[in-house]
Protein backbone atom coordinates (compact mmCIF):
# COMPACT_ATOMS: atom_id res chain seq x y z
CA MET A 1 -22.88 -5.12 8.69
CA THR A 2 -22.57 -1.37 8.82
CA LEU A 3 -20.49 0.85 6.57
CA LEU A 4 -17.95 1.48 9.23
CA ALA A 5 -17.60 -2.12 9.87
CA GLY A 6 -16.98 -3.23 6.36
CA LEU A 7 -14.37 -0.51 6.16
CA ARG A 8 -12.62 -1.77 9.08
CA GLU A 9 -12.74 -5.39 8.01
CA ARG A 10 -11.61 -4.29 4.56
CA ALA A 11 -8.63 -2.33 6.19
CA ARG A 12 -7.65 -5.15 8.31
CA PHE A 13 -7.81 -7.78 5.27
CA LEU A 14 -5.70 -5.00 3.26
CA LYS A 15 -3.03 -4.81 6.14
CA GLN A 16 -2.90 -8.55 6.21
CA GLU A 17 -2.66 -9.03 2.55
CA THR A 18 0.24 -6.38 2.41
CA LEU A 19 2.07 -8.17 4.95
CA ALA A 20 1.59 -11.54 3.21
CA LEU A 21 2.68 -10.01 -0.33
CA TYR A 22 5.93 -8.57 1.52
CA LEU A 23 6.51 -12.03 2.91
CA ALA A 24 5.92 -13.81 -0.58
CA VAL A 25 8.22 -11.23 -2.22
CA ARG A 26 10.97 -12.11 0.26
CA ASP A 27 10.58 -15.90 -0.19
CA PRO A 28 13.77 -17.45 -2.18
CA ARG A 29 11.00 -19.41 -4.41
CA THR A 30 9.71 -16.06 -5.73
CA PRO A 31 11.15 -15.36 -9.20
CA TRP A 32 13.50 -12.26 -9.53
CA TYR A 33 11.12 -10.47 -11.92
CA ALA A 34 8.20 -10.69 -9.36
CA LYS A 35 10.75 -9.33 -6.53
CA LEU A 36 11.43 -6.53 -8.92
CA LEU A 37 7.94 -5.60 -9.52
CA GLY A 38 7.19 -5.86 -6.07
CA VAL A 39 9.93 -3.18 -5.18
CA VAL A 40 8.82 -0.96 -8.09
CA ILE A 41 5.35 -1.02 -6.68
CA VAL A 42 6.11 0.01 -3.47
CA ALA A 43 8.69 2.60 -4.68
CA TYR A 44 5.83 4.16 -6.86
CA ALA A 45 3.21 3.99 -4.11
CA LEU A 46 5.74 5.89 -1.63
CA SER A 47 7.27 8.11 -3.95
CA PRO A 48 6.32 11.75 -4.10
CA VAL A 49 6.90 11.73 -7.55
CA ASP A 50 3.94 10.46 -9.95
CA LEU A 51 3.21 10.11 -13.56
CA ILE A 52 0.46 12.56 -13.10
CA PRO A 53 0.76 15.24 -10.33
CA ASP A 54 -1.62 14.91 -7.38
CA PHE A 55 -2.65 18.71 -7.35
CA ILE A 56 -4.49 17.97 -10.56
CA PRO A 57 -8.09 17.40 -9.67
CA VAL A 58 -9.39 13.87 -9.81
CA ILE A 59 -6.91 12.85 -12.60
CA GLY A 60 -4.14 13.43 -10.16
CA TYR A 61 -4.94 10.70 -7.95
CA LEU A 62 -6.29 8.37 -10.76
CA ASP A 63 -2.94 6.99 -11.57
CA ASP A 64 -2.50 6.01 -7.89
CA LEU A 65 -6.01 4.39 -7.73
CA VAL A 66 -5.27 2.38 -10.88
CA LEU A 67 -1.71 1.80 -11.33
CA VAL A 68 -0.77 0.47 -7.85
CA PRO A 69 -3.69 -2.02 -7.61
CA LEU A 70 -2.85 -3.15 -11.14
CA GLY A 71 0.49 -3.76 -10.15
CA ILE A 72 -0.46 -5.54 -7.17
CA ALA A 73 -2.73 -7.95 -9.18
CA LEU A 74 0.11 -8.58 -11.63
CA LEU A 75 2.38 -9.34 -8.76
CA LEU A 76 -0.18 -11.81 -7.29
CA ARG A 77 -0.21 -13.62 -10.64
CA LEU A 78 3.60 -13.86 -10.81
CA VAL A 79 4.06 -15.15 -7.34
CA ASP A 80 3.56 -18.96 -6.91
CA PRO A 81 0.11 -19.66 -5.21
CA GLU A 82 1.82 -22.15 -2.90
CA VAL A 83 4.15 -19.41 -1.69
CA MET A 84 1.36 -17.07 -1.55
CA ALA A 85 -0.74 -19.32 0.68
CA GLU A 86 2.00 -19.94 2.85
CA ALA A 87 2.76 -16.03 3.13
CA ARG A 88 -1.03 -15.38 3.93
CA LEU A 89 -0.80 -17.92 6.92
CA ALA A 90 2.33 -16.51 8.07
CA ALA A 91 0.56 -13.01 8.00
CA ALA A 92 -2.30 -13.81 9.71
CA GLU A 93 -0.32 -15.42 12.49
CA ALA A 94 1.80 -12.17 12.76
CA VAL A 95 -1.29 -10.01 12.78
CA GLY A 96 -2.67 -12.18 15.53
CA LYS A 97 0.22 -11.84 17.68
CA ALA A 98 0.63 -8.13 17.13
CA LYS A 99 -3.04 -7.78 18.43
CA ARG A 100 -1.97 -9.66 21.50
CA THR A 101 1.17 -7.60 21.98
CA ALA A 102 -0.95 -4.49 21.52
CA LEU A 103 -3.37 -5.52 24.10
CA TRP A 104 -0.84 -6.19 26.41
CA ALA A 105 0.96 -2.88 25.96
CA ALA A 106 -2.22 -0.99 26.35
CA ALA A 107 -3.02 -2.66 29.73
CA VAL A 108 0.59 -1.75 31.02
CA VAL A 109 -0.10 1.90 30.05
CA VAL A 110 -3.36 1.98 31.45
CA ALA A 111 -1.77 0.41 34.86
CA ILE A 112 0.95 2.90 34.73
CA TRP A 113 -1.53 6.01 34.39
CA LEU A 114 -3.83 4.47 37.00
CA LEU A 115 -0.56 4.12 39.41
CA VAL A 116 0.36 7.81 38.56
CA ALA A 117 -3.32 8.80 39.17
CA TRP A 118 -3.33 7.19 42.72
CA ALA A 119 0.03 8.72 43.56
CA ALA A 120 -1.21 12.08 42.75
CA VAL A 121 -4.43 11.84 44.70
CA ARG A 122 -2.64 10.54 47.56
CA TRP A 123 -0.10 13.26 47.51
CA ALA A 124 -2.62 15.88 47.25
CA MET A 125 -4.62 14.62 50.03
CA GLN A 126 -1.56 14.77 52.02
CA ALA A 127 -0.75 18.30 51.00
CA PHE A 128 -4.10 19.43 51.91
CA ALA A 129 -4.23 17.50 55.29
CA ALA A 130 -0.93 19.18 56.25
CA GLY A 131 -1.98 22.71 55.19
């Protein structure tokens, strides 16, 4: 497997796992403290305020590279494995549906562009023939 293919597969896995965590945190069987930790992790990851500012070379990104994955690992331990398994199945299903929807949307866009190109060529041919 090439490096690019490996990175692409890892990104696909992380996308699906993130969705699974989101679904697991929203599940009513998940304890309140796990839900709170999920909110804190997302807020910290998206917040422009860091414990160590990002403009400090190397160390500035270290908190993001260490704290967020540690928080996620802790969250995975707090969520019931049965809930997490169900969430992973639901996430895989949702990602599969999203792929099919994206393919149909791409096909529609390509069809519209082909129709516009055909109409433009036809118009140009008529304009040159009349002139």
